[in-house]
Amino acid sequence: MTRLFGTDGVRGIANAELTPELAFSLGEAAGHFLGERGRGRIVVGRDTRRSGDMLEAALIAGVCSGGADAIACEVVPTPAVAFLTREYEADGGVVISASHNPAEYNGIKFFNRDGFKLPDEVEDEIDCFVAVDRDLVRPTGAGVGRVERPTDAIDRYIAHAVSTVSGDLKGMTVAIDCGHGAASVSTPEAFRRLGAEVVTINCEWDGMDINRDSGSTHLGRILDLVRAGGIDLGLAHDGDADRLIAVDETGEAIDGDIIMAICAKHMKEAGTLTHDTVVATVMSNLGFEIAMRDLGVMVIKTKVGDRYVLDQMIASGAVLGGEQSGHVIFLDHNTTGDGLVTALQLASMVRASGKPLSQLKQIMTHYPQVLVNVCVEDRTRLGTSEALLEAIAAAERELGDEGRVLVRASGTEPLVRVMAEAADAAAAQEVVDRLVAVVRSELG
């Protein structure tokens, strides 16, 4: 049996792979596995995809058919669902979103009552629940769940995010690109409440334009906007707004590694960086590790996925962690990557420092990094190909302490990601080209 769950929930092309029937079953499972305090209450949110209406209706029907109540918050960012699950004292939360993927995709992911993503073993139980034919005795009459439709969901989330920073942002001009996604209301409004002058692009949607040539994975428009002048800080989200890529006042992109480095320095100086520790993934740039070492901050590495970052943060007591892609977790403020909280924290640090972001980013120097996504027939064979393993080992010997190699399978797509870093960009490119050829030869 193929496992439903990837590294970030269940994903697929909506109405083909991720069907209403599957959404219904996952809704039933949410009530069954998350509703542990009598009659369960499940927060449900979605992004702006056209298929979101369909899947939301099916999932909520499943929740209610299973005897739980659904709290339908409609279009809200993923981190808002994590927050609102705690805020409404619900038993769990469900997000209908495929994050940075194109509009035809969608996904379903779960949070427990504390706003944390589910551990693998609980996902496995849900997987079995959905896959196995069961003779369910469904509740009837008063046992059927109801739907609550709160009118204050997005306002509660915005108020919480704003409360995580002190002072205001008056006099600051901020450009915001929400990628036609779930943050199109919340992020601009939060910055306006703090007094910033806000310029928005891609903050409207038609259901089929999410992430299209916009947002954190397509920075062209916001880079041009900032380079035209008059902008202190650019901010770009992905479709469900759990990540942030920033743009400094000169129009240069600032990834998650640099954001974490700036925040770690500020928090260490303020005495709020618990254990002087940051959690990052194996994809973080070597320059980040060097910057943290020079700062006296320990870096704990995990495999890719913000859920694994969070697990290690909890285990180590760290309050700051994240990924190069822009998922940054401030555990004092939310239980998952939160693009809005990250944006507000970064903006407030720029304001407090009295320095432009282009100066703050000099805390770290990026090592040249080359990353190629290789489409393959069978990514599961990655760890069993002797020829590929030998090629990786040879590349690591070649680069030594002046670089590194990472070859890993995507958790959500039929891709193998081949990455190399080196002090010299040409050396990194040569290594990647060589490894890509072996991946294609070995994995199809």
Protein backbone atom coordinates (compact mmCIF):
# COMPACT_ATOMS: atom_id res chain seq x y z
CA MET A 1 0.00 0.00 0.00
CA THR A 2 1.34 3.42 -0.96
CA ARG A 3 1.51 5.78 2.00
CA LEU A 4 -0.92 8.69 1.64
CA PHE A 5 1.19 11.12 3.64
CA GLY A 6 4.30 12.80 2.27
CA THR A 7 6.58 15.16 4.18
CA ASP A 8 3.77 17.71 4.50
CA GLY A 9 0.40 15.99 4.48
CA VAL A 10 -1.55 14.41 1.63
CA ARG A 11 -1.09 16.05 -1.77
CA GLY A 12 -2.10 15.47 -5.36
CA ILE A 13 -3.97 16.88 -8.32
CA ALA A 14 -7.38 17.91 -7.00
CA ASN A 15 -10.35 15.81 -8.20
CA ALA A 16 -7.99 13.25 -9.76
CA GLU A 17 -5.58 12.06 -7.06
CA LEU A 18 -6.97 14.09 -4.16
CA THR A 19 -10.66 13.34 -4.63
CA PRO A 20 -13.73 14.50 -2.66
CA GLU A 21 -14.15 10.90 -1.50
CA LEU A 22 -10.64 10.90 -0.05
CA ALA A 23 -11.24 14.30 1.56
CA PHE A 24 -14.44 12.93 3.13
CA SER A 25 -12.56 9.95 4.57
CA LEU A 26 -9.81 12.19 5.91
CA GLY A 27 -12.48 14.37 7.52
CA GLU A 28 -13.94 11.31 9.24
CA ALA A 29 -10.45 10.38 10.37
CA ALA A 30 -9.89 13.87 11.79
CA GLY A 31 -12.88 13.52 14.08
CA HIS A 32 -11.95 9.97 15.02
CA PHE A 33 -8.26 10.51 15.80
CA LEU A 34 -8.20 14.13 16.98
CA GLY A 35 -11.46 14.34 18.91
CA GLU A 36 -10.38 12.94 22.25
CA ARG A 37 -12.47 15.14 24.57
CA GLY A 38 -15.95 13.80 23.96
CA ARG A 39 -17.58 15.43 20.93
CA GLY A 40 -14.66 16.65 18.86
CA ARG A 41 -14.27 20.13 17.36
CA ILE A 42 -12.00 20.49 14.33
CA VAL A 43 -10.76 23.80 12.86
CA VAL A 44 -10.76 23.76 9.04
CA GLY A 45 -9.00 26.34 6.85
CA ARG A 46 -8.00 26.52 3.21
CA ASP A 47 -6.03 28.59 0.73
CA THR A 48 -7.40 30.30 -2.38
CA ARG A 49 -7.38 27.39 -4.86
CA ARG A 50 -10.56 26.82 -6.84
CA SER A 51 -10.64 23.20 -5.67
CA GLY A 52 -10.63 24.39 -2.07
CA ASP A 53 -14.40 24.90 -2.04
CA MET A 54 -15.01 21.36 -3.22
CA LEU A 55 -12.54 19.69 -0.90
CA GLU A 56 -13.59 21.81 2.08
CA ALA A 57 -17.22 20.77 1.60
CA ALA A 58 -16.27 17.10 1.39
CA LEU A 59 -13.90 17.23 4.34
CA ILE A 60 -16.37 19.07 6.57
CA ALA A 61 -19.04 16.54 5.60
CA GLY A 62 -16.67 13.79 6.74
CA VAL A 63 -15.97 15.54 10.04
CA CYS A 64 -19.70 15.93 10.74
CA SER A 65 -20.53 12.40 9.53
CA GLY A 66 -18.01 11.12 12.04
CA GLY A 67 -19.81 12.93 14.84
CA ALA A 68 -17.44 15.89 15.31
CA ASP A 69 -18.13 19.61 14.82
CA ALA A 70 -16.24 21.59 12.18
CA ILE A 71 -15.09 25.17 12.76
CA ALA A 72 -14.96 26.46 9.18
CA CYS A 73 -12.56 29.41 8.99
CA GLU A 74 -12.52 29.54 5.16
CA VAL A 75 -9.47 31.26 3.56
CA VAL A 76 -6.71 31.61 6.16
CA PRO A 77 -2.97 30.91 6.17
CA THR A 78 -1.71 27.53 7.36
CA PRO A 79 -0.12 29.02 10.49
CA ALA A 80 -3.46 30.65 11.31
CA VAL A 81 -5.04 27.20 11.54
CA ALA A 82 -2.32 26.09 13.96
CA PHE A 83 -2.97 29.19 16.08
CA LEU A 84 -6.78 29.05 15.85
CA THR A 85 -6.83 25.41 16.91
CA ARG A 86 -5.41 26.52 20.24
CA GLU A 87 -7.35 29.79 20.31
CA TYR A 88 -10.73 28.05 19.90
CA GLU A 89 -9.69 25.22 22.23
CA ALA A 90 -10.44 22.74 19.46
CA ASP A 91 -9.31 19.12 19.30
CA GLY A 92 -7.38 19.53 16.07
CA GLY A 93 -7.00 21.47 12.86
CA VAL A 94 -7.02 20.65 9.16
CA VAL A 95 -5.54 22.77 6.36
CA ILE A 96 -6.59 22.33 2.73
CA SER A 97 -3.61 23.62 0.76
CA ALA A 98 -0.79 22.51 -1.51
CA SER A 99 1.49 25.34 -0.36
CA HIS A 100 3.82 26.43 -3.18
CA ASN A 101 2.52 23.92 -5.76
CA PRO A 102 0.53 25.02 -8.85
CA ALA A 103 -3.20 25.70 -8.68
CA GLU A 104 -4.33 22.30 -9.98
CA TYR A 105 -2.79 20.62 -6.92
CA ASN A 106 -4.21 20.61 -3.44
CA GLY A 107 -3.42 18.99 -0.14
CA ILE A 108 -4.70 18.15 3.33
CA LYS A 109 -2.61 18.31 6.49
CA PHE A 110 -3.45 17.99 10.15
CA PHE A 111 -2.58 19.68 13.43
CA ASN A 112 -3.21 18.26 16.89
CA ARG A 113 -4.99 20.23 19.63
CA ASP A 114 -1.73 22.01 20.53
CA GLY A 115 -1.18 23.21 16.95
CA PHE A 116 1.61 20.75 16.17
CA LYS A 117 1.77 18.62 13.03
CA LEU A 118 0.99 14.97 13.67
CA PRO A 119 3.77 12.46 14.30
CA ASP A 120 4.38 9.75 11.70
CA GLU A 121 2.71 7.04 13.78
CA VAL A 122 -0.58 8.96 13.98
CA GLU A 123 -0.46 9.67 10.24
CA ASP A 124 0.05 5.93 9.72
CA GLU A 125 -3.08 5.20 11.79
CA ILE A 126 -5.07 7.68 9.69
CA ASP A 127 -3.61 6.11 6.55
CA CYS A 128 -4.90 2.67 7.62
CA PHE A 129 -8.26 4.10 8.68
CA VAL A 130 -8.76 5.59 5.19
CA ALA A 131 -7.41 2.60 3.25
CA VAL A 132 -9.24 -0.27 4.97
CA ASP A 133 -12.88 -1.05 4.16
CA ARG A 134 -14.83 -0.70 7.39
CA ASP A 135 -18.40 -1.31 8.50
CA LEU A 136 -18.86 1.98 10.29
CA VAL A 137 -21.87 2.70 12.41
CA ARG A 138 -22.26 6.40 11.80
CA PRO A 139 -24.07 8.61 14.28
CA THR A 140 -27.58 9.81 13.55
CA GLY A 141 -29.85 12.51 14.94
CA ALA A 142 -28.13 14.64 17.55
CA GLY A 143 -24.97 12.59 17.10
CA VAL A 144 -24.22 14.16 13.70
CA GLY A 145 -21.72 17.00 13.84
CA ARG A 146 -22.49 20.64 13.11
CA VAL A 147 -20.60 23.44 11.34
CA GLU A 148 -19.52 26.61 13.14
CA ARG A 149 -18.59 29.58 10.96
CA PRO A 150 -16.73 32.12 13.11
CA THR A 151 -16.54 35.67 11.77
CA ASP A 152 -13.46 36.65 13.77
CA ALA A 153 -10.99 33.95 12.71
CA ILE A 154 -8.67 36.04 10.53
CA ASP A 155 -8.88 39.03 12.90
CA ARG A 156 -7.81 36.89 15.87
CA TYR A 157 -4.81 35.61 13.92
CA ILE A 158 -3.77 39.11 12.80
CA ALA A 159 -4.07 40.45 16.34
CA HIS A 160 -1.92 37.61 17.65
CA ALA A 161 0.79 38.17 15.02
CA VAL A 162 0.86 41.93 15.69
CA SER A 163 1.21 41.25 19.43
CA THR A 164 4.49 39.39 18.87
CA VAL A 165 6.41 42.63 18.21
CA SER A 166 6.87 45.71 20.35
CA GLY A 167 6.59 49.25 19.08
CA ASP A 168 5.35 50.16 15.63
CA LEU A 169 6.57 50.36 12.04
CA LYS A 170 5.58 53.97 11.32
CA GLY A 171 7.73 55.57 8.65
CA MET A 172 8.55 52.22 7.04
CA THR A 173 7.39 51.42 3.51
CA VAL A 174 6.84 47.72 2.88
CA ALA A 175 6.08 45.91 -0.39
CA ILE A 176 4.10 42.67 0.00
CA ASP A 177 3.56 39.88 -2.55
CA CYS A 178 1.13 37.24 -1.31
CA GLY A 179 1.26 35.06 -4.42
CA HIS A 180 -2.54 35.28 -4.89
CA GLY A 181 -2.69 33.10 -1.79
CA ALA A 182 -3.99 32.77 1.74
CA ALA A 183 -2.11 35.75 3.23
CA SER A 184 -3.64 38.24 0.80
CA VAL A 185 -5.72 39.80 3.60
CA SER A 186 -3.75 39.09 6.78
CA THR A 187 -0.22 40.26 5.99
CA PRO A 188 -1.10 43.66 4.48
CA GLU A 189 -3.57 44.33 7.31
CA ALA A 190 -1.05 43.42 10.03
CA PHE A 191 1.52 45.85 8.65
CA ARG A 192 -1.07 48.60 8.30
CA ARG A 193 -2.08 48.13 11.95
CA LEU A 194 1.54 48.73 12.92
CA GLY A 195 1.62 51.96 10.95
CA ALA A 196 3.68 50.89 7.94
CA GLU A 197 3.00 52.24 4.47
CA VAL A 198 2.00 49.14 2.49
CA VAL A 199 2.33 48.51 -1.24
CA THR A 200 0.72 45.25 -2.38
CA ILE A 201 1.02 43.08 -5.48
CA ASN A 202 -0.62 39.71 -6.20
CA CYS A 203 -2.98 40.08 -3.25
CA GLU A 204 -6.15 39.28 -5.19
CA TRP A 205 -7.13 35.86 -6.49
CA ASP A 206 -9.37 33.98 -8.92
CA GLY A 207 -8.66 30.45 -7.67
CA MET A 208 -6.35 29.48 -10.53
CA ASP A 209 -3.56 32.04 -10.11
CA ILE A 210 -2.10 30.96 -6.77
CA ASN A 211 1.74 30.96 -6.95
CA ARG A 212 1.63 31.77 -10.67
CA ASP A 213 4.64 33.98 -11.47
CA SER A 214 4.31 35.44 -7.99
CA GLY A 215 5.10 34.94 -4.34
CA SER A 216 8.16 33.47 -2.67
CA THR A 217 9.01 31.09 -5.53
CA HIS A 218 8.73 33.69 -8.33
CA LEU A 219 10.30 36.91 -7.07
CA GLY A 220 10.59 38.83 -10.35
CA ARG A 221 7.79 41.35 -9.79
CA ILE A 222 8.61 42.23 -6.21
CA LEU A 223 12.32 42.54 -7.02
CA ASP A 224 11.46 45.01 -9.79
CA LEU A 225 9.10 46.90 -7.49
CA VAL A 226 11.71 47.33 -4.76
CA ARG A 227 14.46 48.22 -7.22
CA ALA A 228 12.28 51.05 -8.54
CA GLY A 229 12.93 52.78 -5.20
CA GLY A 230 11.09 54.04 -2.18
CA ILE A 231 10.70 50.62 -0.50
CA ASP A 232 12.44 49.74 2.76
CA LEU A 233 11.56 46.06 2.79
CA GLY A 234 10.00 43.55 0.41
CA LEU A 235 8.12 40.47 1.62
CA ALA A 236 6.94 37.46 -0.41
CA HIS A 237 4.83 34.51 0.75
CA ASP A 238 3.97 31.18 -0.80
CA GLY A 239 0.36 30.13 -1.33
CA ASP A 240 -0.41 29.10 2.25
CA ALA A 241 1.90 31.71 3.82
CA ASP A 242 3.91 29.43 6.07
CA ARG A 243 7.10 30.75 4.50
CA LEU A 244 8.71 34.10 3.77
CA ILE A 245 11.39 35.32 1.41
CA ALA A 246 12.43 38.94 2.01
CA VAL A 247 13.91 41.58 -0.30
CA ASP A 248 16.31 44.24 0.95
CA GLU A 249 16.01 47.90 -0.04
CA THR A 250 18.45 47.42 -2.94
CA GLY A 251 16.26 44.73 -4.50
CA GLU A 252 18.28 41.67 -3.45
CA ALA A 253 16.51 38.51 -2.22
CA ILE A 254 16.99 37.39 1.39
CA ASP A 255 16.35 33.68 1.96
CA GLY A 256 15.45 31.78 5.09
CA ASP A 257 19.08 31.20 6.07
CA ILE A 258 19.84 34.92 6.14
CA ILE A 259 16.57 35.69 7.92
CA MET A 260 17.42 33.12 10.60
CA ALA A 261 20.95 34.47 10.92
CA ILE A 262 19.69 38.04 11.44
CA CYS A 263 17.08 36.87 13.94
CA ALA A 264 19.55 34.66 15.83
CA LYS A 265 21.95 37.58 16.26
CA HIS A 266 19.21 39.92 17.45
CA MET A 267 17.74 37.34 19.82
CA LYS A 268 21.13 36.34 21.22
CA GLU A 269 21.93 39.97 21.99
CA ALA A 270 18.49 40.38 23.60
CA GLY A 271 18.97 37.22 25.68
CA THR A 272 15.95 35.48 24.13
CA LEU A 273 17.76 32.83 22.06
CA THR A 274 17.30 29.89 24.41
CA HIS A 275 20.45 27.76 24.81
CA ASP A 276 22.06 29.90 22.07
CA THR A 277 20.82 27.28 19.64
CA VAL A 278 19.19 27.34 16.21
CA VAL A 279 17.72 24.34 14.37
CA ALA A 280 18.20 24.18 10.60
CA THR A 281 18.05 21.51 7.90
CA VAL A 282 20.68 19.79 5.80
CA MET A 283 19.77 22.22 2.97
CA SER A 284 20.97 25.29 4.88
CA ASN A 285 23.94 27.01 3.29
CA LEU A 286 27.40 26.31 4.64
CA GLY A 287 27.77 30.07 5.12
CA PHE A 288 24.94 29.94 7.69
CA GLU A 289 26.83 27.40 9.79
CA ILE A 290 29.99 29.50 9.64
CA ALA A 291 28.09 32.67 10.63
CA MET A 292 26.48 30.92 13.58
CA ARG A 293 29.81 29.48 14.69
CA ASP A 294 31.36 32.95 14.65
CA LEU A 295 28.38 34.24 16.63
CA GLY A 296 28.72 31.51 19.26
CA VAL A 297 25.44 29.87 18.30
CA MET A 298 25.08 26.11 17.98
CA VAL A 299 23.32 24.77 14.86
CA ILE A 300 21.42 21.48 15.07
CA LYS A 301 20.75 19.93 11.64
CA THR A 302 17.68 17.89 10.66
CA LYS A 303 16.34 16.38 7.47
CA VAL A 304 14.27 18.65 5.22
CA GLY A 305 10.76 19.49 6.42
CA ASP A 306 9.63 22.03 8.98
CA ARG A 307 7.97 19.25 11.00
CA TYR A 308 11.42 17.73 11.58
CA VAL A 309 12.81 21.13 12.49
CA LEU A 310 10.02 21.51 15.02
CA ASP A 311 10.62 18.05 16.50
CA GLN A 312 14.26 18.93 17.10
CA MET A 313 13.37 22.34 18.51
CA ILE A 314 11.11 20.71 21.08
CA ALA A 315 13.74 18.09 21.91
CA SER A 316 16.54 20.64 22.31
CA GLY A 317 14.56 23.51 23.84
CA ALA A 318 15.43 25.83 20.94
CA VAL A 319 13.00 28.66 20.14
CA LEU A 320 14.26 29.52 16.64
CA GLY A 321 14.53 27.19 13.66
CA GLY A 322 13.73 26.93 10.01
CA GLU A 323 14.66 26.24 6.44
CA GLN A 324 16.47 28.01 3.64
CA SER A 325 13.17 28.00 1.72
CA GLY A 326 11.72 30.52 4.19
CA HIS A 327 9.89 28.32 6.70
CA VAL A 328 10.93 29.94 9.98
CA ILE A 329 9.53 28.87 13.35
CA PHE A 330 9.46 31.22 16.33
CA LEU A 331 8.31 28.71 18.91
CA ASP A 332 7.45 31.41 21.43
CA HIS A 333 4.84 32.71 18.96
CA ASN A 334 3.53 29.76 16.91
CA THR A 335 3.95 26.02 16.48
CA THR A 336 4.72 25.96 12.78
CA GLY A 337 6.43 28.00 10.09
CA ASP A 338 4.63 31.35 10.03
CA GLY A 339 5.28 33.76 7.18
CA LEU A 340 3.48 36.68 8.81
CA VAL A 341 5.16 36.32 12.22
CA THR A 342 8.52 35.99 10.44
CA ALA A 343 7.84 39.12 8.38
CA LEU A 344 6.88 41.13 11.46
CA GLN A 345 9.87 39.90 13.47
CA LEU A 346 12.27 40.76 10.65
CA ALA A 347 10.72 44.19 10.06
CA SER A 348 10.85 45.05 13.75
CA MET A 349 14.51 43.99 13.94
CA VAL A 350 15.35 46.19 10.96
CA ARG A 351 13.53 49.06 12.64
CA ALA A 352 15.19 48.47 16.03
CA SER A 353 18.69 48.25 14.53
CA GLY A 354 18.41 51.56 12.68
CA LYS A 355 20.22 49.84 9.80
CA PRO A 356 18.96 48.84 6.35
CA LEU A 357 18.40 45.17 5.65
CA SER A 358 21.24 45.21 3.11
CA GLN A 359 23.61 45.90 6.00
CA LEU A 360 22.08 43.40 8.41
CA LYS A 361 22.34 40.59 5.86
CA GLN A 362 26.12 40.89 5.89
CA ILE A 363 26.14 38.71 8.99
CA MET A 364 26.59 35.74 6.64
CA THR A 365 28.22 35.08 3.30
CA HIS A 366 26.54 32.63 0.99
CA TYR A 367 28.73 29.86 -0.33
CA PRO A 368 27.94 29.33 -4.01
CA GLN A 369 25.21 26.69 -4.14
CA VAL A 370 23.97 24.85 -7.21
CA LEU A 371 20.68 22.93 -6.97
CA VAL A 372 19.11 20.89 -9.77
CA ASN A 373 15.78 19.06 -9.52
CA VAL A 374 15.90 15.88 -11.59
CA CYS A 375 12.63 14.26 -12.65
CA VAL A 376 12.93 10.50 -12.14
CA GLU A 377 10.81 7.39 -12.55
CA ASP A 378 11.54 5.87 -9.15
CA ARG A 379 12.92 8.14 -6.42
CA THR A 380 12.71 5.30 -3.88
CA ARG A 381 15.81 3.68 -5.43
CA LEU A 382 17.95 6.64 -4.43
CA GLY A 383 19.55 4.91 -1.45
CA THR A 384 20.17 1.56 -3.19
CA SER A 385 22.06 2.59 -6.32
CA GLU A 386 25.71 1.67 -5.72
CA ALA A 387 26.88 3.72 -8.70
CA LEU A 388 25.16 6.83 -7.34
CA LEU A 389 26.42 6.27 -3.80
CA GLU A 390 29.97 5.91 -5.12
CA ALA A 391 29.63 9.09 -7.20
CA ILE A 392 28.41 11.02 -4.14
CA ALA A 393 31.29 9.75 -2.02
CA ALA A 394 33.80 10.75 -4.71
CA ALA A 395 32.32 14.26 -4.91
CA GLU A 396 32.51 14.64 -1.13
CA ARG A 397 36.17 13.62 -1.14
CA GLU A 398 36.85 16.10 -3.92
CA LEU A 399 35.27 19.06 -2.10
CA GLY A 400 36.62 18.18 1.36
CA ASP A 401 36.06 20.82 4.04
CA GLU A 402 35.54 23.56 1.43
CA GLY A 403 32.14 22.36 0.34
CA ARG A 404 29.45 19.74 0.63
CA VAL A 405 27.08 17.57 -1.42
CA LEU A 406 23.45 16.68 -0.79
CA VAL A 407 21.36 14.33 -2.92
CA ARG A 408 17.84 13.65 -1.64
CA ALA A 409 14.41 12.61 -2.89
CA SER A 410 11.53 15.05 -2.79
CA GLY A 411 8.83 14.07 -0.32
CA THR A 412 5.98 15.37 -2.50
CA GLU A 413 7.06 15.14 -6.16
CA PRO A 414 8.82 12.58 -8.45
CA LEU A 415 12.10 14.47 -8.12
CA VAL A 416 15.60 13.95 -6.83
CA ARG A 417 17.28 17.15 -5.66
CA VAL A 418 21.01 17.37 -6.33
CA MET A 419 22.87 20.13 -4.49
CA ALA A 420 26.52 21.09 -4.11
CA GLU A 421 28.23 23.97 -2.33
CA ALA A 422 31.80 25.06 -2.78
CA ALA A 423 33.96 28.12 -2.33
CA ASP A 424 34.11 28.26 -6.13
CA ALA A 425 30.84 28.33 -8.09
CA ALA A 426 32.35 26.55 -11.09
CA ALA A 427 33.44 23.65 -8.89
CA ALA A 428 29.94 23.33 -7.43
CA GLN A 429 28.40 23.36 -10.93
CA GLU A 430 30.81 20.70 -12.17
CA VAL A 431 29.99 18.39 -9.25
CA VAL A 432 26.23 18.83 -9.72
CA ASP A 433 26.43 18.21 -13.49
CA ARG A 434 28.30 14.99 -12.85
CA LEU A 435 25.87 13.76 -10.21
CA VAL A 436 22.79 14.71 -12.24
CA ALA A 437 24.07 12.51 -15.09
CA VAL A 438 24.41 9.57 -12.71
CA VAL A 439 20.94 10.15 -11.20
CA ARG A 440 19.38 10.16 -14.67
CA SER A 441 21.27 7.04 -15.67
CA GLU A 442 20.43 5.12 -12.51
CA LEU A 443 16.88 6.25 -11.67
CA GLY A 444 15.40 6.88 -15.09
